[in-house]
């Protein structure tokens, strides 16, 4: 059965440091550092120093499925493949998972969402990431960590994910779908597009750049501020119509995390996002 004991979406570095020092809980720390322009950079950074005991996971290898050219830049892993990955991490039903990166949660949020989609609730993102851990003087190590594998079974929540054809069918139906695009405003407008071959956005989408969820120090804004900002973005639209997307389904998870931190209900993800959408020239584009 899915783990039903819920935790807050974020954990502060000092709170994590103190919790680890008590050793009364099975904690799994996961380093998600990554660089879209240099896909080896995260592993290099991990080897140079990471939260003591943390495993390293790679966005392309561990948190994404194979690319076909039409399913986006970071397609979701197949459930059976992700289950094998989770088992290799040694997650048990009582394990507490904390993911971190050095990009304001940009990549850690993807792992947070994947585990929750897989039915595992006790997962958090380290607020402020690697930088906050260093500031809290948390223990650091350069040795690669490992845990014995387990037989943990995932239970994916299929209703949390929409496919391209579902998004297309719901266009122009505000009572069924409100798309929130997490990309930067210029890419949303179709300007300065360097990641995908076509610029623009899915018709009717609203823009919420994921970095707007953060304070200048890289930590998330207070929950009440996030709640007010998302409610203003939704205006009169019901929360249950929200569908998150971005360029490839990664930073959309940051907005999902921010809404969860704000205490708002679970919403859906169009995982293929713009990179999948624009791969089919028959799909409409707005600029």
C-alpha atoms as a PDB file:
ATOM      1  CA  UNK A   1       0.000   0.000   0.000  1.00  0.00           C
ATOM      2  CA  UNK A   2       1.157   3.590  -0.527  1.00  0.00           C
ATOM      3  CA  UNK A   3       2.747   5.222   2.477  1.00  0.00           C
ATOM      4  CA  UNK A   4       0.023   7.429   3.977  1.00  0.00           C
ATOM      5  CA  UNK A   5       1.976   9.290   6.651  1.00  0.00           C
ATOM      6  CA  UNK A   6       2.335  12.761   5.207  1.00  0.00           C
ATOM      7  CA  UNK A   7       5.189  15.162   5.816  1.00  0.00           C
ATOM      8  CA  UNK A   8       5.662  18.822   5.023  1.00  0.00           C
ATOM      9  CA  UNK A   9       7.019  19.301   1.486  1.00  0.00           C
ATOM     10  CA  UNK A  10      10.096  21.210   2.684  1.00  0.00           C
ATOM     11  CA  UNK A  11      12.583  20.725   5.507  1.00  0.00           C
ATOM     12  CA  UNK A  12      15.009  23.350   6.778  1.00  0.00           C
ATOM     13  CA  UNK A  13      18.706  22.526   6.837  1.00  0.00           C
ATOM     14  CA  UNK A  14      19.035  23.010  10.580  1.00  0.00           C
ATOM     15  CA  UNK A  15      16.007  20.803  11.255  1.00  0.00           C
ATOM     16  CA  UNK A  16      17.471  18.072   9.068  1.00  0.00           C
ATOM     17  CA  UNK A  17      20.888  18.349  10.703  1.00  0.00           C
ATOM     18  CA  UNK A  18      19.374  17.926  14.154  1.00  0.00           C
ATOM     19  CA  UNK A  19      17.133  15.052  13.032  1.00  0.00           C
ATOM     20  CA  UNK A  20      20.071  13.161  11.549  1.00  0.00           C
ATOM     21  CA  UNK A  21      22.060  13.558  14.735  1.00  0.00           C
ATOM     22  CA  UNK A  22      19.386  11.667  16.687  1.00  0.00           C
ATOM     23  CA  UNK A  23      19.616   8.558  14.483  1.00  0.00           C
ATOM     24  CA  UNK A  24      16.102   7.451  15.495  1.00  0.00           C
ATOM     25  CA  UNK A  25      14.779   7.301  11.934  1.00  0.00           C
ATOM     26  CA  UNK A  26      15.832   5.733   8.635  1.00  0.00           C
ATOM     27  CA  UNK A  27      16.778   8.737   6.522  1.00  0.00           C
ATOM     28  CA  UNK A  28      17.626   8.528   2.833  1.00  0.00           C
ATOM     29  CA  UNK A  29      19.341  11.648   1.482  1.00  0.00           C
ATOM     30  CA  UNK A  30      19.452  12.062  -2.288  1.00  0.00           C
ATOM     31  CA  UNK A  31      21.686  14.483  -4.166  1.00  0.00           C
ATOM     32  CA  UNK A  32      19.913  15.642  -7.339  1.00  0.00           C
ATOM     33  CA  UNK A  33      22.407  18.238  -8.538  1.00  0.00           C
ATOM     34  CA  UNK A  34      22.386  18.569 -12.302  1.00  0.00           C
ATOM     35  CA  UNK A  35      23.199  20.989 -15.096  1.00  0.00           C
ATOM     36  CA  UNK A  36      21.160  20.931 -18.297  1.00  0.00           C
ATOM     37  CA  UNK A  37      24.133  22.248 -20.274  1.00  0.00           C
ATOM     38  CA  UNK A  38      26.684  19.860 -18.744  1.00  0.00           C
ATOM     39  CA  UNK A  39      25.023  16.618 -17.721  1.00  0.00           C
ATOM     40  CA  UNK A  40      28.145  15.345 -15.912  1.00  0.00           C
ATOM     41  CA  UNK A  41      28.421  18.399 -13.648  1.00  0.00           C
ATOM     42  CA  UNK A  42      26.184  17.040 -10.885  1.00  0.00           C
ATOM     43  CA  UNK A  43      28.163  13.848 -10.462  1.00  0.00           C
ATOM     44  CA  UNK A  44      31.382  15.838 -10.464  1.00  0.00           C
ATOM     45  CA  UNK A  45      30.041  18.120  -7.732  1.00  0.00           C
ATOM     46  CA  UNK A  46      28.871  15.088  -5.733  1.00  0.00           C
ATOM     47  CA  UNK A  47      32.354  13.560  -5.875  1.00  0.00           C
ATOM     48  CA  UNK A  48      33.850  16.813  -4.612  1.00  0.00           C
ATOM     49  CA  UNK A  49      31.523  16.935  -1.620  1.00  0.00           C
ATOM     50  CA  UNK A  50      27.934  16.066  -0.686  1.00  0.00           C
ATOM     51  CA  UNK A  51      25.669  15.760   2.328  1.00  0.00           C
ATOM     52  CA  UNK A  52      27.163  12.905   4.318  1.00  0.00           C
ATOM     53  CA  UNK A  53      25.436   9.651   3.464  1.00  0.00           C
ATOM     54  CA  UNK A  54      23.610  10.983   0.409  1.00  0.00           C
ATOM     55  CA  UNK A  55      23.168   8.931  -2.754  1.00  0.00           C
ATOM     56  CA  UNK A  56      23.505  10.611  -6.138  1.00  0.00           C
ATOM     57  CA  UNK A  57      20.733  10.365  -8.737  1.00  0.00           C
ATOM     58  CA  UNK A  58      20.997  11.584 -12.320  1.00  0.00           C
ATOM     59  CA  UNK A  59      18.118  13.432 -13.969  1.00  0.00           C
ATOM     60  CA  UNK A  60      18.524  11.703 -17.332  1.00  0.00           C
ATOM     61  CA  UNK A  61      19.351   8.178 -16.139  1.00  0.00           C
ATOM     62  CA  UNK A  62      17.323   7.836 -12.944  1.00  0.00           C
ATOM     63  CA  UNK A  63      14.482  10.348 -13.085  1.00  0.00           C
ATOM     64  CA  UNK A  64      13.589  10.206 -16.788  1.00  0.00           C
ATOM     65  CA  UNK A  65      12.690   7.586 -19.348  1.00  0.00           C
ATOM     66  CA  UNK A  66      14.117   6.988 -22.831  1.00  0.00           C
ATOM     67  CA  UNK A  67      13.569   9.734 -25.395  1.00  0.00           C
ATOM     68  CA  UNK A  68      11.937   8.895 -28.719  1.00  0.00           C
ATOM     69  CA  UNK A  69      12.168  12.321 -30.347  1.00  0.00           C
ATOM     70  CA  UNK A  70       8.470  12.956 -29.875  1.00  0.00           C
ATOM     71  CA  UNK A  71       7.926  12.370 -26.117  1.00  0.00           C
ATOM     72  CA  UNK A  72       9.846  15.357 -24.762  1.00  0.00           C
ATOM     73  CA  UNK A  73      13.311  15.993 -23.373  1.00  0.00           C
ATOM     74  CA  UNK A  74      12.698  14.384 -19.968  1.00  0.00           C
ATOM     75  CA  UNK A  75       9.851  11.875 -20.325  1.00  0.00           C
ATOM     76  CA  UNK A  76       8.629  10.172 -17.196  1.00  0.00           C
ATOM     77  CA  UNK A  77      10.254   6.815 -16.500  1.00  0.00           C
ATOM     78  CA  UNK A  78       8.012   3.801 -17.000  1.00  0.00           C
ATOM     79  CA  UNK A  79       6.563   2.664 -13.645  1.00  0.00           C
ATOM     80  CA  UNK A  80       8.413  -0.640 -13.715  1.00  0.00           C
ATOM     81  CA  UNK A  81      11.720   1.110 -14.474  1.00  0.00           C
ATOM     82  CA  UNK A  82      11.216   3.647 -11.703  1.00  0.00           C
ATOM     83  CA  UNK A  83      10.301   0.875  -9.293  1.00  0.00           C
ATOM     84  CA  UNK A  84      13.635  -0.808  -9.995  1.00  0.00           C
ATOM     85  CA  UNK A  85      15.391   2.507  -9.422  1.00  0.00           C
ATOM     86  CA  UNK A  86      13.600   3.087  -6.108  1.00  0.00           C
ATOM     87  CA  UNK A  87      14.448  -0.447  -5.011  1.00  0.00           C
ATOM     88  CA  UNK A  88      18.127   0.182  -5.760  1.00  0.00           C
ATOM     89  CA  UNK A  89      18.020   3.101  -3.300  1.00  0.00           C
ATOM     90  CA  UNK A  90      16.947   0.810  -0.470  1.00  0.00           C
ATOM     91  CA  UNK A  91      13.735   2.654   0.379  1.00  0.00           C
ATOM     92  CA  UNK A  92      11.626   0.923   3.044  1.00  0.00           C
ATOM     93  CA  UNK A  93       8.046   1.818   4.044  1.00  0.00           C
ATOM     94  CA  UNK A  94       9.325   3.757   7.065  1.00  0.00           C
ATOM     95  CA  UNK A  95      12.149   5.583   5.285  1.00  0.00           C
ATOM     96  CA  UNK A  96      12.212   9.385   5.287  1.00  0.00           C
ATOM     97  CA  UNK A  97      13.579  10.743   2.004  1.00  0.00           C
ATOM     98  CA  UNK A  98      15.122  14.206   1.582  1.00  0.00           C
ATOM     99  CA  UNK A  99      16.157  15.421  -1.872  1.00  0.00           C
ATOM    100  CA  UNK A 100      18.391  18.401  -2.534  1.00  0.00           C
ATOM    101  CA  UNK A 101      20.211  20.214  -5.318  1.00  0.00           C
ATOM    102  CA  UNK A 102      22.053  23.512  -5.721  1.00  0.00           C
ATOM    103  CA  UNK A 103      19.476  25.150  -8.021  1.00  0.00           C
ATOM    104  CA  UNK A 104      16.712  26.199  -5.643  1.00  0.00           C
ATOM    105  CA  UNK A 105      15.002  22.814  -5.795  1.00  0.00           C
ATOM    106  CA  UNK A 106      14.771  22.781  -9.601  1.00  0.00           C
ATOM    107  CA  UNK A 107      15.790  19.116  -9.851  1.00  0.00           C
ATOM    108  CA  UNK A 108      15.013  17.924  -6.324  1.00  0.00           C
ATOM    109  CA  UNK A 109      11.356  18.814  -6.934  1.00  0.00           C
ATOM    110  CA  UNK A 110      11.290  16.290  -9.784  1.00  0.00           C
ATOM    111  CA  UNK A 111      12.315  13.495  -7.409  1.00  0.00           C
ATOM    112  CA  UNK A 112       9.864  14.738  -4.759  1.00  0.00           C
ATOM    113  CA  UNK A 113       7.025  14.588  -7.279  1.00  0.00           C
ATOM    114  CA  UNK A 114       8.059  11.214  -8.741  1.00  0.00           C
ATOM    115  CA  UNK A 115       8.082   9.553  -5.326  1.00  0.00           C
ATOM    116  CA  UNK A 116       4.703  11.017  -4.449  1.00  0.00           C
ATOM    117  CA  UNK A 117       3.315   9.925  -7.842  1.00  0.00           C
ATOM    118  CA  UNK A 118       4.683   6.467  -6.999  1.00  0.00           C
ATOM    119  CA  UNK A 119       2.659   6.378  -3.774  1.00  0.00           C
ATOM    120  CA  UNK A 120       5.419   7.309  -1.321  1.00  0.00           C
ATOM    121  CA  UNK A 121       4.539  10.240   0.943  1.00  0.00           C
ATOM    122  CA  UNK A 122       7.487  10.655   3.300  1.00  0.00           C
ATOM    123  CA  UNK A 123       9.613  12.707   0.949  1.00  0.00           C
ATOM    124  CA  UNK A 124      10.800  16.291   1.365  1.00  0.00           C
ATOM    125  CA  UNK A 125      12.993  18.809  -0.390  1.00  0.00           C
ATOM    126  CA  UNK A 126      15.812  20.482   1.527  1.00  0.00           C
ATOM    127  CA  UNK A 127      14.842  24.164   1.548  1.00  0.00           C
ATOM    128  CA  UNK A 128      17.742  26.170   0.162  1.00  0.00           C
ATOM    129  CA  UNK A 129      19.499  22.993  -0.926  1.00  0.00           C
ATOM    130  CA  UNK A 130      23.240  22.435  -0.835  1.00  0.00           C
ATOM    131  CA  UNK A 131      23.929  26.071  -0.014  1.00  0.00           C
ATOM    132  CA  UNK A 132      21.703  25.949   3.069  1.00  0.00           C
ATOM    133  CA  UNK A 133      23.337  22.719   4.203  1.00  0.00           C
ATOM    134  CA  UNK A 134      26.780  24.335   4.062  1.00  0.00           C
ATOM    135  CA  UNK A 135      25.479  27.399   5.885  1.00  0.00           C
ATOM    136  CA  UNK A 136      24.066  25.136   8.634  1.00  0.00           C
ATOM    137  CA  UNK A 137      27.490  23.445   8.908  1.00  0.00           C
ATOM    138  CA  UNK A 138      25.962  20.063   8.196  1.00  0.00           C
ATOM    139  CA  UNK A 139      28.366  17.118   7.758  1.00  0.00           C
ATOM    140  CA  UNK A 140      29.877  16.742   4.290  1.00  0.00           C
ATOM    141  CA  UNK A 141      31.586  13.715   2.739  1.00  0.00           C
ATOM    142  CA  UNK A 142      33.320  12.867  -0.530  1.00  0.00           C
ATOM    143  CA  UNK A 143      32.815   9.109  -0.362  1.00  0.00           C
ATOM    144  CA  UNK A 144      30.068   7.614  -2.521  1.00  0.00           C
ATOM    145  CA  UNK A 145      27.259   6.243  -0.355  1.00  0.00           C
ATOM    146  CA  UNK A 146      25.376   3.003  -0.919  1.00  0.00           C
ATOM    147  CA  UNK A 147      22.433   1.178   0.647  1.00  0.00           C
ATOM    148  CA  UNK A 148      21.315  -2.435   0.262  1.00  0.00           C
ATOM    149  CA  UNK A 149      18.492  -2.769  -2.290  1.00  0.00           C
ATOM    150  CA  UNK A 150      14.963  -3.603  -1.199  1.00  0.00           C
ATOM    151  CA  UNK A 151      11.759  -5.022  -2.670  1.00  0.00           C
ATOM    152  CA  UNK A 152       9.687  -1.846  -2.277  1.00  0.00           C
ATOM    153  CA  UNK A 153       6.619  -1.762  -4.535  1.00  0.00           C
ATOM    154  CA  UNK A 154       5.365   1.482  -6.021  1.00  0.00           C
ATOM    155  CA  UNK A 155       1.724   2.271  -6.747  1.00  0.00           C
ATOM    156  CA  UNK A 156       1.628   4.999  -9.402  1.00  0.00           C
ATOM    157  CA  UNK A 157      -1.221   7.486  -9.291  1.00  0.00           C
ATOM    158  CA  UNK A 158      -2.259   7.531 -12.930  1.00  0.00           C
ATOM    159  CA  UNK A 159      -4.734  10.386 -12.438  1.00  0.00           C
ATOM    160  CA  UNK A 160      -1.882  12.755 -11.539  1.00  0.00           C
ATOM    161  CA  UNK A 161      -0.523  12.729 -15.103  1.00  0.00           C
ATOM    162  CA  UNK A 162      -2.061  13.941 -18.361  1.00  0.00           C
ATOM    163  CA  UNK A 163      -1.017  12.886 -21.854  1.00  0.00           C
ATOM    164  CA  UNK A 164      -0.720  15.228 -24.810  1.00  0.00           C
ATOM    165  CA  UNK A 165      -3.977  14.039 -26.354  1.00  0.00           C
ATOM    166  CA  UNK A 166      -5.822  14.752 -23.101  1.00  0.00           C
ATOM    167  CA  UNK A 167      -4.376  18.264 -22.929  1.00  0.00           C
ATOM    168  CA  UNK A 168      -5.337  18.825 -26.572  1.00  0.00           C
ATOM    169  CA  UNK A 169      -8.886  17.579 -25.989  1.00  0.00           C
ATOM    170  CA  UNK A 170      -9.318  19.979 -23.060  1.00  0.00           C
ATOM    171  CA  UNK A 171      -8.072  23.128 -24.823  1.00  0.00           C
ATOM    172  CA  UNK A 172     -10.629  25.930 -24.626  1.00  0.00           C
ATOM    173  CA  UNK A 173     -12.468  24.276 -21.755  1.00  0.00           C
ATOM    174  CA  UNK A 174     -11.590  26.362 -18.666  1.00  0.00           C
ATOM    175  CA  UNK A 175     -13.912  24.286 -16.503  1.00  0.00           C
ATOM    176  CA  UNK A 176     -11.709  21.260 -17.216  1.00  0.00           C
ATOM    177  CA  UNK A 177      -8.155  22.558 -17.631  1.00  0.00           C
ATOM    178  CA  UNK A 178      -5.997  25.495 -16.586  1.00  0.00           C
ATOM    179  CA  UNK A 179      -2.429  25.103 -17.831  1.00  0.00           C
ATOM    180  CA  UNK A 180       0.348  26.722 -15.781  1.00  0.00           C
ATOM    181  CA  UNK A 181       3.671  26.986 -17.633  1.00  0.00           C
ATOM    182  CA  UNK A 182       6.757  27.144 -15.382  1.00  0.00           C
ATOM    183  CA  UNK A 183       9.188  28.448 -18.009  1.00  0.00           C
ATOM    184  CA  UNK A 184      10.735  31.922 -18.010  1.00  0.00           C
ATOM    185  CA  UNK A 185       8.480  34.639 -19.387  1.00  0.00           C
ATOM    186  CA  UNK A 186      10.512  35.194 -22.556  1.00  0.00           C
ATOM    187  CA  UNK A 187      10.361  31.525 -23.554  1.00  0.00           C
ATOM    188  CA  UNK A 188       6.648  31.488 -22.735  1.00  0.00           C
ATOM    189  CA  UNK A 189       6.197  34.375 -25.179  1.00  0.00           C
ATOM    190  CA  UNK A 190       8.190  32.492 -27.828  1.00  0.00           C
ATOM    191  CA  UNK A 191      11.328  34.635 -27.488  1.00  0.00           C
ATOM    192  CA  UNK A 192      14.922  33.492 -26.866  1.00  0.00           C
ATOM    193  CA  UNK A 193      14.020  29.826 -27.258  1.00  0.00           C
ATOM    194  CA  UNK A 194      17.241  27.826 -27.021  1.00  0.00           C
ATOM    195  CA  UNK A 195      16.032  24.505 -25.588  1.00  0.00           C
ATOM    196  CA  UNK A 196      13.356  23.485 -28.087  1.00  0.00           C
ATOM    197  CA  UNK A 197      13.009  23.836 -31.869  1.00  0.00           C
ATOM    198  CA  UNK A 198       9.744  25.810 -31.674  1.00  0.00           C
ATOM    199  CA  UNK A 199       9.020  28.874 -29.569  1.00  0.00           C
ATOM    200  CA  UNK A 200       5.721  29.738 -27.905  1.00  0.00           C
ATOM    201  CA  UNK A 201       3.302  28.085 -25.522  1.00  0.00           C
ATOM    202  CA  UNK A 202       0.229  25.875 -25.411  1.00  0.00           C
ATOM    203  CA  UNK A 203      -2.862  28.006 -26.158  1.00  0.00           C
ATOM    204  CA  UNK A 204      -4.587  29.311 -23.049  1.00  0.00           C
ATOM    205  CA  UNK A 205      -1.699  28.598 -20.683  1.00  0.00           C
ATOM    206  CA  UNK A 206      -0.784  31.041 -17.927  1.00  0.00           C
ATOM    207  CA  UNK A 207       2.827  31.698 -16.993  1.00  0.00           C
ATOM    208  CA  UNK A 208       4.337  31.169 -13.535  1.00  0.00           C
ATOM    209  CA  UNK A 209       8.127  31.100 -13.774  1.00  0.00           C
ATOM    210  CA  UNK A 210       9.234  28.568 -11.177  1.00  0.00           C
ATOM    211  CA  UNK A 211      11.906  30.877  -9.760  1.00  0.00           C
ATOM    212  CA  UNK A 212       9.123  33.168  -8.546  1.00  0.00           C
ATOM    213  CA  UNK A 213       8.599  30.578  -5.807  1.00  0.00           C
ATOM    214  CA  UNK A 214      11.942  31.467  -4.244  1.00  0.00           C
ATOM    215  CA  UNK A 215      13.346  34.197  -2.044  1.00  0.00           C
ATOM    216  CA  UNK A 216      16.653  35.874  -2.974  1.00  0.00           C
ATOM    217  CA  UNK A 217      18.565  33.433  -0.733  1.00  0.00           C
ATOM    218  CA  UNK A 218      17.261  30.425  -2.687  1.00  0.00           C
ATOM    219  CA  UNK A 219      14.786  29.262  -0.061  1.00  0.00           C
ATOM    220  CA  UNK A 220      11.078  29.061  -0.795  1.00  0.00           C
ATOM    221  CA  UNK A 221       8.816  31.985   0.011  1.00  0.00           C
ATOM    222  CA  UNK A 222       6.604  31.630   3.098  1.00  0.00           C
ATOM    223  CA  UNK A 223       3.594  29.375   2.609  1.00  0.00           C
ATOM    224  CA  UNK A 224       1.036  32.151   2.984  1.00  0.00           C
ATOM    225  CA  UNK A 225       2.784  34.244   0.339  1.00  0.00           C
ATOM    226  CA  UNK A 226       2.901  31.316  -2.085  1.00  0.00           C
ATOM    227  CA  UNK A 227      -0.781  30.632  -1.451  1.00  0.00           C
ATOM    228  CA  UNK A 228      -1.734  34.236  -2.184  1.00  0.00           C
ATOM    229  CA  UNK A 229       0.333  34.314  -5.376  1.00  0.00           C
ATOM    230  CA  UNK A 230      -1.083  31.076  -6.762  1.00  0.00           C
ATOM    231  CA  UNK A 231      -4.630  32.060  -5.868  1.00  0.00           C
ATOM    232  CA  UNK A 232      -4.110  35.346  -7.726  1.00  0.00           C
ATOM    233  CA  UNK A 233      -2.808  33.410 -10.750  1.00  0.00           C
ATOM    234  CA  UNK A 234      -5.794  31.061 -10.705  1.00  0.00           C
ATOM    235  CA  UNK A 235      -8.237  33.964 -10.294  1.00  0.00           C
ATOM    236  CA  UNK A 236     -11.697  32.371 -10.511  1.00  0.00           C
ATOM    237  CA  UNK A 237     -10.463  29.032 -11.850  1.00  0.00           C
ATOM    238  CA  UNK A 238     -10.989  26.030  -9.539  1.00  0.00           C
ATOM    239  CA  UNK A 239      -7.783  24.473  -8.223  1.00  0.00           C
ATOM    240  CA  UNK A 240      -8.770  21.047  -9.499  1.00  0.00           C
ATOM    241  CA  UNK A 241      -8.537  22.281 -13.106  1.00  0.00           C
ATOM    242  CA  UNK A 242      -4.817  23.092 -12.792  1.00  0.00           C
ATOM    243  CA  UNK A 243      -2.377  21.210 -15.015  1.00  0.00           C
ATOM    244  CA  UNK A 244       1.315  22.042 -14.658  1.00  0.00           C
ATOM    245  CA  UNK A 245       3.813  21.998 -17.501  1.00  0.00           C
ATOM    246  CA  UNK A 246       7.121  23.561 -18.471  1.00  0.00           C
ATOM    247  CA  UNK A 247       9.710  22.769 -21.112  1.00  0.00           C
ATOM    248  CA  UNK A 248      10.250  19.099 -20.301  1.00  0.00           C
ATOM    249  CA  UNK A 249       8.270  18.272 -17.148  1.00  0.00           C
ATOM    250  CA  UNK A 250      11.034  19.099 -14.654  1.00  0.00           C
ATOM    251  CA  UNK A 251      10.503  22.654 -13.410  1.00  0.00           C
ATOM    252  CA  UNK A 252       6.734  22.139 -13.534  1.00  0.00           C
ATOM    253  CA  UNK A 253       7.321  19.974 -10.441  1.00  0.00           C
ATOM    254  CA  UNK A 254       8.711  23.060  -8.698  1.00  0.00           C
ATOM    255  CA  UNK A 255       5.326  24.759  -9.045  1.00  0.00           C
ATOM    256  CA  UNK A 256       3.652  21.566  -7.829  1.00  0.00           C
ATOM    257  CA  UNK A 257       5.956  21.607  -4.797  1.00  0.00           C
ATOM    258  CA  UNK A 258       5.256  25.285  -4.146  1.00  0.00           C
ATOM    259  CA  UNK A 259       1.507  24.721  -4.265  1.00  0.00           C
ATOM    260  CA  UNK A 260       1.865  21.817  -1.854  1.00  0.00           C
ATOM    261  CA  UNK A 261       3.928  23.994   0.485  1.00  0.00           C
ATOM    262  CA  UNK A 262       1.150  26.587   0.272  1.00  0.00           C
ATOM    263  CA  UNK A 263      -1.333  23.982   1.492  1.00  0.00           C
ATOM    264  CA  UNK A 264      -3.217  23.848  -1.807  1.00  0.00           C
ATOM    265  CA  UNK A 265      -4.687  20.565  -3.118  1.00  0.00           C
ATOM    266  CA  UNK A 266      -2.796  18.137  -5.335  1.00  0.00           C
ATOM    267  CA  UNK A 267      -2.914  19.145  -9.000  1.00  0.00           C
ATOM    268  CA  UNK A 268      -1.895  17.411 -12.226  1.00  0.00           C
ATOM    269  CA  UNK A 269       1.184  17.328 -14.458  1.00  0.00           C
ATOM    270  CA  UNK A 270       1.473  17.285 -18.235  1.00  0.00           C
ATOM    271  CA  UNK A 271       4.775  15.470 -18.122  1.00  0.00           C
ATOM    272  CA  UNK A 272       5.728  15.749 -21.793  1.00  0.00           C
ATOM    273  CA  UNK A 273       5.290  19.520 -21.595  1.00  0.00           C
ATOM    274  CA  UNK A 274       6.333  21.958 -24.313  1.00  0.00           C
ATOM    275  CA  UNK A 275       9.153  19.803 -25.726  1.00  0.00           C
ATOM    276  CA  UNK A 276       6.660  17.022 -26.464  1.00  0.00           C
ATOM    277  CA  UNK A 277       3.861  19.365 -27.517  1.00  0.00           C
ATOM    278  CA  UNK A 278       5.910  21.221 -30.121  1.00  0.00           C
ATOM    279  CA  UNK A 279       7.307  17.980 -31.592  1.00  0.00           C
ATOM    280  CA  UNK A 280       3.986  17.504 -33.408  1.00  0.00           C
ATOM    281  CA  UNK A 281       3.409  20.372 -35.879  1.00  0.00           C
ATOM    282  CA  UNK A 282      -0.331  19.673 -35.943  1.00  0.00           C
ATOM    283  CA  UNK A 283      -0.695  20.869 -32.327  1.00  0.00           C
ATOM    284  CA  UNK A 284      -1.605  24.540 -31.933  1.00  0.00           C
ATOM    285  CA  UNK A 285       0.934  27.097 -30.707  1.00  0.00           C
ATOM    286  CA  UNK A 286       0.348  30.504 -29.168  1.00  0.00           C
ATOM    287  CA  UNK A 287       2.857  33.352 -29.030  1.00  0.00           C
END
